[in-house]
Amino acid sequence: MRSDEDKSTLTVRVRDTESEKTVHYDASTQWVSQYHGDKKVNNIDPSDVKDGDQVICPGSFNEKGDFHAATISKRLSHSPQ
């Protein structure tokens, strides 16, 4: 995954494929993090998402055909013990 703050986009790789998709975001996009298997969701700052992080980006296509993320969820590997 790569980010471009100037264009407000993330380039993400679709799971189990080599295909890449561009995800657009704006001020309405919610940024969160969550440990695998945990129900607790933490609000984060966009700067907390780094290139190479695993993310889930639910959203929809806008009138231009661009995919806009409603939420960008940074996936965390293990729940803190």
PDB file of N, CA and C in Angstrom:
ATOM      1  N   MET A   1       0.827  -1.177   0.000  1.00  0.00           N
ATOM      2  CA  MET A   1       0.000   0.000   0.000  1.00  0.00           C
ATOM      3  C   MET A   1       0.875   1.245   0.000  1.00  0.00           C
ATOM      4  N   ARG A   2       0.426   2.234  -0.744  1.00  0.00           N
ATOM      5  CA  ARG A   2       1.117   3.525  -0.795  1.00  0.00           C
ATOM      6  C   ARG A   2       0.082   4.620  -0.596  1.00  0.00           C
ATOM      7  N   SER A   3       0.562   5.750  -0.110  1.00  0.00           N
ATOM      8  CA  SER A   3      -0.349   6.875   0.078  1.00  0.00           C
ATOM      9  C   SER A   3       0.163   8.093  -0.673  1.00  0.00           C
ATOM     10  N   ASP A   4      -0.764   8.953  -1.052  1.00  0.00           N
ATOM     11  CA  ASP A   4      -0.441  10.224  -1.696  1.00  0.00           C
ATOM     12  C   ASP A   4      -1.315  11.288  -1.038  1.00  0.00           C
ATOM     13  N   GLU A   5      -0.752  11.970  -0.050  1.00  0.00           N
ATOM     14  CA  GLU A   5      -1.524  12.966   0.700  1.00  0.00           C
ATOM     15  C   GLU A   5      -1.978  14.117  -0.188  1.00  0.00           C
ATOM     16  N   ASP A   6      -1.181  14.495  -1.191  1.00  0.00           N
ATOM     17  CA  ASP A   6      -1.554  15.605  -2.071  1.00  0.00           C
ATOM     18  C   ASP A   6      -2.829  15.301  -2.867  1.00  0.00           C
ATOM     19  N   LYS A   7      -2.996  14.046  -3.257  1.00  0.00           N
ATOM     20  CA  LYS A   7      -4.175  13.640  -4.031  1.00  0.00           C
ATOM     21  C   LYS A   7      -5.259  13.025  -3.146  1.00  0.00           C
ATOM     22  N   SER A   8      -4.981  12.870  -1.842  1.00  0.00           N
ATOM     23  CA  SER A   8      -5.905  12.222  -0.904  1.00  0.00           C
ATOM     24  C   SER A   8      -6.304  10.838  -1.397  1.00  0.00           C
ATOM     25  N   THR A   9      -5.271  10.031  -1.696  1.00  0.00           N
ATOM     26  CA  THR A   9      -5.521   8.669  -2.158  1.00  0.00           C
ATOM     27  C   THR A   9      -4.603   7.670  -1.461  1.00  0.00           C
ATOM     28  N   LEU A  10      -5.080   6.428  -1.414  1.00  0.00           N
ATOM     29  CA  LEU A  10      -4.269   5.279  -1.022  1.00  0.00           C
ATOM     30  C   LEU A  10      -4.294   4.325  -2.206  1.00  0.00           C
ATOM     31  N   THR A  11      -3.173   3.710  -2.497  1.00  0.00           N
ATOM     32  CA  THR A  11      -3.141   2.633  -3.471  1.00  0.00           C
ATOM     33  C   THR A  11      -3.051   1.355  -2.668  1.00  0.00           C
ATOM     34  N   VAL A  12      -4.047   0.490  -2.812  1.00  0.00           N
ATOM     35  CA  VAL A  12      -4.110  -0.739  -2.025  1.00  0.00           C
ATOM     36  C   VAL A  12      -4.055  -1.950  -2.947  1.00  0.00           C
ATOM     37  N   ARG A  13      -3.507  -3.028  -2.419  1.00  0.00           N
ATOM     38  CA  ARG A  13      -3.479  -4.294  -3.155  1.00  0.00           C
ATOM     39  C   ARG A  13      -4.655  -5.121  -2.688  1.00  0.00           C
ATOM     40  N   VAL A  14      -5.408  -5.650  -3.641  1.00  0.00           N
ATOM     41  CA  VAL A  14      -6.552  -6.486  -3.321  1.00  0.00           C
ATOM     42  C   VAL A  14      -6.030  -7.805  -2.769  1.00  0.00           C
ATOM     43  N   ARG A  15      -6.603  -8.241  -1.632  1.00  0.00           N
ATOM     44  CA  ARG A  15      -6.143  -9.451  -0.951  1.00  0.00           C
ATOM     45  C   ARG A  15      -6.035 -10.637  -1.909  1.00  0.00           C
ATOM     46  N   ASP A  16      -4.937 -11.376  -1.774  1.00  0.00           N
ATOM     47  CA  ASP A  16      -4.666 -12.601  -2.534  1.00  0.00           C
ATOM     48  C   ASP A  16      -4.546 -12.376  -4.036  1.00  0.00           C
ATOM     49  N   THR A  17      -4.303 -11.139  -4.456  1.00  0.00           N
ATOM     50  CA  THR A  17      -4.084 -10.861  -5.878  1.00  0.00           C
ATOM     51  C   THR A  17      -2.945  -9.866  -6.000  1.00  0.00           C
ATOM     52  N   GLU A  18      -2.514  -9.657  -7.203  1.00  0.00           N
ATOM     53  CA  GLU A  18      -1.503  -8.634  -7.470  1.00  0.00           C
ATOM     54  C   GLU A  18      -2.149  -7.338  -7.946  1.00  0.00           C
ATOM     55  N   SER A  19      -3.491  -7.317  -8.032  1.00  0.00           N
ATOM     56  CA  SER A  19      -4.165  -6.136  -8.557  1.00  0.00           C
ATOM     57  C   SER A  19      -4.173  -5.012  -7.525  1.00  0.00           C
ATOM     58  N   GLU A  20      -3.988  -3.798  -8.007  1.00  0.00           N
ATOM     59  CA  GLU A  20      -3.986  -2.614  -7.149  1.00  0.00           C
ATOM     60  C   GLU A  20      -5.182  -1.736  -7.487  1.00  0.00           C
ATOM     61  N   LYS A  21      -5.742  -1.096  -6.464  1.00  0.00           N
ATOM     62  CA  LYS A  21      -6.880  -0.195  -6.614  1.00  0.00           C
ATOM     63  C   LYS A  21      -6.554   1.123  -5.933  1.00  0.00           C
ATOM     64  N   THR A  22      -7.094   2.209  -6.458  1.00  0.00           N
ATOM     65  CA  THR A  22      -6.931   3.521  -5.845  1.00  0.00           C
ATOM     66  C   THR A  22      -8.169   3.820  -5.012  1.00  0.00           C
ATOM     67  N   VAL A  23      -7.928   4.184  -3.753  1.00  0.00           N
ATOM     68  CA  VAL A  23      -8.993   4.534  -2.818  1.00  0.00           C
ATOM     69  C   VAL A  23      -8.861   6.021  -2.510  1.00  0.00           C
ATOM     70  N   HIS A  24      -9.937   6.770  -2.711  1.00  0.00           N
ATOM     71  CA  HIS A  24      -9.951   8.206  -2.428  1.00  0.00           C
ATOM     72  C   HIS A  24     -10.536   8.437  -1.035  1.00  0.00           C
ATOM     73  N   TYR A  25     -10.051   9.482  -0.367  1.00  0.00           N
ATOM     74  CA  TYR A  25     -10.594   9.853   0.928  1.00  0.00           C
ATOM     75  C   TYR A  25     -10.688  11.364   1.021  1.00  0.00           C
ATOM     76  N   ASP A  26     -11.469  11.846   1.994  1.00  0.00           N
ATOM     77  CA  ASP A  26     -11.586  13.283   2.227  1.00  0.00           C
ATOM     78  C   ASP A  26     -11.871  13.510   3.703  1.00  0.00           C
ATOM     79  N   ALA A  27     -12.292  14.717   4.046  1.00  0.00           N
ATOM     80  CA  ALA A  27     -12.518  15.067   5.451  1.00  0.00           C
ATOM     81  C   ALA A  27     -13.635  14.238   6.078  1.00  0.00           C
ATOM     82  N   SER A  28     -14.527  13.674   5.264  1.00  0.00           N
ATOM     83  CA  SER A  28     -15.626  12.873   5.811  1.00  0.00           C
ATOM     84  C   SER A  28     -15.216  11.430   6.116  1.00  0.00           C
ATOM     85  N   THR A  29     -14.053  11.008   5.650  1.00  0.00           N
ATOM     86  CA  THR A  29     -13.588   9.641   5.878  1.00  0.00           C
ATOM     87  C   THR A  29     -13.192   9.453   7.335  1.00  0.00           C
ATOM     88  N   GLN A  30     -13.694   8.390   7.944  1.00  0.00           N
ATOM     89  CA  GLN A  30     -13.358   8.065   9.327  1.00  0.00           C
ATOM     90  C   GLN A  30     -12.113   7.167   9.322  1.00  0.00           C
ATOM     91  N   TRP A  31     -11.136   7.489  10.158  1.00  0.00           N
ATOM     92  CA  TRP A  31      -9.894   6.726  10.274  1.00  0.00           C
ATOM     93  C   TRP A  31      -9.892   5.998  11.612  1.00  0.00           C
ATOM     94  N   VAL A  32      -9.757   4.666  11.572  1.00  0.00           N
ATOM     95  CA  VAL A  32      -9.800   3.858  12.790  1.00  0.00           C
ATOM     96  C   VAL A  32      -8.734   2.772  12.734  1.00  0.00           C
ATOM     97  N   SER A  33      -8.496   2.143  13.895  1.00  0.00           N
ATOM     98  CA  SER A  33      -7.650   0.955  13.945  1.00  0.00           C
ATOM     99  C   SER A  33      -8.349  -0.076  14.806  1.00  0.00           C
ATOM    100  N   GLN A  34      -8.013  -1.349  14.555  1.00  0.00           N
ATOM    101  CA  GLN A  34      -8.654  -2.420  15.298  1.00  0.00           C
ATOM    102  C   GLN A  34      -7.743  -3.643  15.284  1.00  0.00           C
ATOM    103  N   TYR A  35      -7.597  -4.272  16.463  1.00  0.00           N
ATOM    104  CA  TYR A  35      -6.849  -5.520  16.548  1.00  0.00           C
ATOM    105  C   TYR A  35      -7.678  -6.648  15.964  1.00  0.00           C
ATOM    106  N   HIS A  36      -7.014  -7.615  15.340  1.00  0.00           N
ATOM    107  CA  HIS A  36      -7.685  -8.779  14.755  1.00  0.00           C
ATOM    108  C   HIS A  36      -8.508  -9.490  15.826  1.00  0.00           C
ATOM    109  N   GLY A  37      -9.783  -9.700  15.556  1.00  0.00           N
ATOM    110  CA  GLY A  37     -10.653 -10.422  16.471  1.00  0.00           C
ATOM    111  C   GLY A  37     -11.170  -9.614  17.643  1.00  0.00           C
ATOM    112  N   ASP A  38     -10.824  -8.338  17.730  1.00  0.00           N
ATOM    113  CA  ASP A  38     -11.251  -7.489  18.843  1.00  0.00           C
ATOM    114  C   ASP A  38     -12.448  -6.643  18.399  1.00  0.00           C
ATOM    115  N   LYS A  39     -13.366  -6.405  19.300  1.00  0.00           N
ATOM    116  CA  LYS A  39     -14.530  -5.585  18.969  1.00  0.00           C
ATOM    117  C   LYS A  39     -14.268  -4.092  19.163  1.00  0.00           C
ATOM    118  N   LYS A  40     -13.236  -3.740  19.946  1.00  0.00           N
ATOM    119  CA  LYS A  40     -12.936  -2.339  20.215  1.00  0.00           C
ATOM    120  C   LYS A  40     -12.307  -1.678  18.985  1.00  0.00           C
ATOM    121  N   VAL A  41     -12.851  -0.525  18.612  1.00  0.00           N
ATOM    122  CA  VAL A  41     -12.359   0.251  17.475  1.00  0.00           C
ATOM    123  C   VAL A  41     -11.792   1.563  18.016  1.00  0.00           C
ATOM    124  N   ASN A  42     -10.591   1.928  17.588  1.00  0.00           N
ATOM    125  CA  ASN A  42      -9.927   3.144  18.051  1.00  0.00           C
ATOM    126  C   ASN A  42      -9.895   4.177  16.940  1.00  0.00           C
ATOM    127  N   ASN A  43     -10.266   5.413  17.242  1.00  0.00           N
ATOM    128  CA  ASN A  43     -10.115   6.501  16.266  1.00  0.00           C
ATOM    129  C   ASN A  43      -8.634   6.851  16.176  1.00  0.00           C
ATOM    130  N   ILE A  44      -8.154   7.059  14.954  1.00  0.00           N
ATOM    131  CA  ILE A  44      -6.747   7.404  14.736  1.00  0.00           C
ATOM    132  C   ILE A  44      -6.650   8.594  13.792  1.00  0.00           C
ATOM    133  N   ASP A  45      -5.461   9.123  13.690  1.00  0.00           N
ATOM    134  CA  ASP A  45      -5.147  10.202  12.764  1.00  0.00           C
ATOM    135  C   ASP A  45      -4.686   9.573  11.446  1.00  0.00           C
ATOM    136  N   PRO A  46      -4.998  10.180  10.313  1.00  0.00           N
ATOM    137  CA  PRO A  46      -4.531   9.617   9.036  1.00  0.00           C
ATOM    138  C   PRO A  46      -3.020   9.371   8.996  1.00  0.00           C
ATOM    139  N   SER A  47      -2.237  10.177   9.713  1.00  0.00           N
ATOM    140  CA  SER A  47      -0.786   9.993   9.712  1.00  0.00           C
ATOM    141  C   SER A  47      -0.362   8.708  10.416  1.00  0.00           C
ATOM    142  N   ASP A  48      -1.288   8.050  11.148  1.00  0.00           N
ATOM    143  CA  ASP A  48      -0.979   6.781  11.805  1.00  0.00           C
ATOM    144  C   ASP A  48      -0.947   5.610  10.824  1.00  0.00           C
ATOM    145  N   VAL A  49      -1.480   5.811   9.621  1.00  0.00           N
ATOM    146  CA  VAL A  49      -1.451   4.770   8.595  1.00  0.00           C
ATOM    147  C   VAL A  49      -0.206   4.984   7.744  1.00  0.00           C
ATOM    148  N   LYS A  50       0.666   3.996   7.734  1.00  0.00           N
ATOM    149  CA  LYS A  50       1.942   4.072   7.022  1.00  0.00           C
ATOM    150  C   LYS A  50       1.912   3.174   5.788  1.00  0.00           C
ATOM    151  N   ASP A  51       2.775   3.472   4.828  1.00  0.00           N
ATOM    152  CA  ASP A  51       2.904   2.617   3.647  1.00  0.00           C
ATOM    153  C   ASP A  51       3.207   1.195   4.108  1.00  0.00           C
ATOM    154  N   GLY A  52       2.487   0.230   3.555  1.00  0.00           N
ATOM    155  CA  GLY A  52       2.688  -1.170   3.899  1.00  0.00           C
ATOM    156  C   GLY A  52       1.721  -1.690   4.950  1.00  0.00           C
ATOM    157  N   ASP A  53       0.979  -0.811   5.630  1.00  0.00           N
ATOM    158  CA  ASP A  53       0.008  -1.261   6.620  1.00  0.00           C
ATOM    159  C   ASP A  53      -1.160  -1.965   5.936  1.00  0.00           C
ATOM    160  N   GLN A  54      -1.758  -2.922   6.646  1.00  0.00           N
ATOM    161  CA  GLN A  54      -2.942  -3.591   6.136  1.00  0.00           C
ATOM    162  C   GLN A  54      -4.159  -2.764   6.515  1.00  0.00           C
ATOM    163  N   VAL A  55      -5.011  -2.479   5.532  1.00  0.00           N
ATOM    164  CA  VAL A  55      -6.209  -1.678   5.778  1.00  0.00           C
ATOM    165  C   VAL A  55      -7.428  -2.336   5.137  1.00  0.00           C
ATOM    166  N   ILE A  56      -8.578  -2.005   5.678  1.00  0.00           N
ATOM    167  CA  ILE A  56      -9.863  -2.355   5.081  1.00  0.00           C
ATOM    168  C   ILE A  56     -10.567  -1.034   4.794  1.00  0.00           C
ATOM    169  N   CYS A  57     -11.094  -0.896   3.573  1.00  0.00           N
ATOM    170  CA  CYS A  57     -11.657   0.394   3.143  1.00  0.00           C
ATOM    171  C   CYS A  57     -13.073   0.224   2.606  1.00  0.00           C
ATOM    172  N   PRO A  58     -14.082   0.137   3.491  1.00  0.00           N
ATOM    173  CA  PRO A  58     -15.452   0.110   2.970  1.00  0.00           C
ATOM    174  C   PRO A  58     -15.838   1.492   2.440  1.00  0.00           C
ATOM    175  N   GLY A  59     -16.631   1.502   1.402  1.00  0.00           N
ATOM    176  CA  GLY A  59     -17.044   2.770   0.812  1.00  0.00           C
ATOM    177  C   GLY A  59     -17.911   2.536  -0.403  1.00  0.00           C
ATOM    178  N   SER A  60     -17.892   3.490  -1.326  1.00  0.00           N
ATOM    179  CA  SER A  60     -18.718   3.375  -2.527  1.00  0.00           C
ATOM    180  C   SER A  60     -18.078   4.171  -3.661  1.00  0.00           C
ATOM    181  N   PHE A  61     -18.582   3.941  -4.864  1.00  0.00           N
ATOM    182  CA  PHE A  61     -18.101   4.664  -6.033  1.00  0.00           C
ATOM    183  C   PHE A  61     -18.860   5.979  -6.157  1.00  0.00           C
ATOM    184  N   ASN A  62     -18.127   7.064  -6.460  1.00  0.00           N
ATOM    185  CA  ASN A  62     -18.783   8.362  -6.635  1.00  0.00           C
ATOM    186  C   ASN A  62     -19.232   8.521  -8.089  1.00  0.00           C
ATOM    187  N   GLU A  63     -19.793   9.685  -8.396  1.00  0.00           N
ATOM    188  CA  GLU A  63     -20.327   9.931  -9.739  1.00  0.00           C
ATOM    189  C   GLU A  63     -19.262   9.907 -10.831  1.00  0.00           C
ATOM    190  N   LYS A  64     -17.993  10.092 -10.462  1.00  0.00           N
ATOM    191  CA  LYS A  64     -16.888  10.028 -11.431  1.00  0.00           C
ATOM    192  C   LYS A  64     -16.375   8.602 -11.636  1.00  0.00           C
ATOM    193  N   GLY A  65     -16.886   7.671 -10.822  1.00  0.00           N
ATOM    194  CA  GLY A  65     -16.431   6.282 -10.913  1.00  0.00           C
ATOM    195  C   GLY A  65     -15.236   5.987 -10.015  1.00  0.00           C
ATOM    196  N   ASP A  66     -14.850   6.958  -9.172  1.00  0.00           N
ATOM    197  CA  ASP A  66     -13.749   6.752  -8.229  1.00  0.00           C
ATOM    198  C   ASP A  66     -14.294   6.100  -6.967  1.00  0.00           C
ATOM    199  N   PHE A  67     -13.495   5.213  -6.364  1.00  0.00           N
ATOM    200  CA  PHE A  67     -13.909   4.594  -5.108  1.00  0.00           C
ATOM    201  C   PHE A  67     -13.563   5.521  -3.955  1.00  0.00           C
ATOM    202  N   HIS A  68     -14.557   5.895  -3.151  1.00  0.00           N
ATOM    203  CA  HIS A  68     -14.374   6.784  -2.008  1.00  0.00           C
ATOM    204  C   HIS A  68     -14.586   5.982  -0.727  1.00  0.00           C
ATOM    205  N   ALA A  69     -13.590   5.990   0.161  1.00  0.00           N
ATOM    206  CA  ALA A  69     -13.682   5.260   1.428  1.00  0.00           C
ATOM    207  C   ALA A  69     -14.493   6.043   2.441  1.00  0.00           C
ATOM    208  N   ALA A  70     -15.507   5.407   3.018  1.00  0.00           N
ATOM    209  CA  ALA A  70     -16.250   5.994   4.125  1.00  0.00           C
ATOM    210  C   ALA A  70     -15.428   5.842   5.404  1.00  0.00           C
ATOM    211  N   THR A  71     -14.715   4.715   5.502  1.00  0.00           N
ATOM    212  CA  THR A  71     -13.866   4.407   6.641  1.00  0.00           C
ATOM    213  C   THR A  71     -12.576   3.782   6.131  1.00  0.00           C
ATOM    214  N   ILE A  72     -11.469   4.134   6.747  1.00  0.00           N
ATOM    215  CA  ILE A  72     -10.203   3.437   6.498  1.00  0.00           C
ATOM    216  C   ILE A  72      -9.799   2.842   7.837  1.00  0.00           C
ATOM    217  N   SER A  73      -9.807   1.513   7.888  1.00  0.00           N
ATOM    218  CA  SER A  73      -9.538   0.794   9.123  1.00  0.00           C
ATOM    219  C   SER A  73      -8.169   0.129   9.046  1.00  0.00           C
ATOM    220  N   LYS A  74      -7.244   0.607   9.859  1.00  0.00           N
ATOM    221  CA  LYS A  74      -5.911   0.008   9.946  1.00  0.00           C
ATOM    222  C   LYS A  74      -6.034  -1.257  10.787  1.00  0.00           C
ATOM    223  N   ARG A  75      -5.584  -2.370  10.228  1.00  0.00           N
ATOM    224  CA  ARG A  75      -5.670  -3.647  10.919  1.00  0.00           C
ATOM    225  C   ARG A  75      -4.407  -3.859  11.736  1.00  0.00           C
ATOM    226  N   LEU A  76      -4.597  -4.191  13.006  1.00  0.00           N
ATOM    227  CA  LEU A  76      -3.479  -4.429  13.915  1.00  0.00           C
ATOM    228  C   LEU A  76      -3.355  -5.942  14.118  1.00  0.00           C
ATOM    229  N   SER A  77      -2.134  -6.434  14.198  1.00  0.00           N
ATOM    230  CA  SER A  77      -1.876  -7.870  14.188  1.00  0.00           C
ATOM    231  C   SER A  77      -2.424  -8.624  15.395  1.00  0.00           C
ATOM    232  N   HIS A  78      -2.066  -8.217  16.582  1.00  0.00           N
ATOM    233  CA  HIS A  78      -2.418  -8.993  17.759  1.00  0.00           C
ATOM    234  C   HIS A  78      -3.000  -8.104  18.836  1.00  0.00           C
ATOM    235  N   SER A  79      -3.984  -8.616  19.521  1.00  0.00           N
ATOM    236  CA  SER A  79      -4.585  -7.882  20.631  1.00  0.00           C
ATOM    237  C   SER A  79      -3.579  -7.763  21.772  1.00  0.00           C
ATOM    238  N   PRO A  80      -3.483  -6.578  22.394  1.00  0.00           N
ATOM    239  CA  PRO A  80      -2.538  -6.441  23.509  1.00  0.00           C
ATOM    240  C   PRO A  80      -2.972  -7.333  24.668  1.00  0.00           C
ATOM    241  N   GLN A  81      -2.015  -7.959  25.300  1.00  0.00           N
ATOM    242  CA  GLN A  81      -2.303  -8.887  26.409  1.00  0.00           C
ATOM    243  C   GLN A  81      -2.273  -8.173  27.721  1.00  0.00           C
TER     244      GLN A  81
END
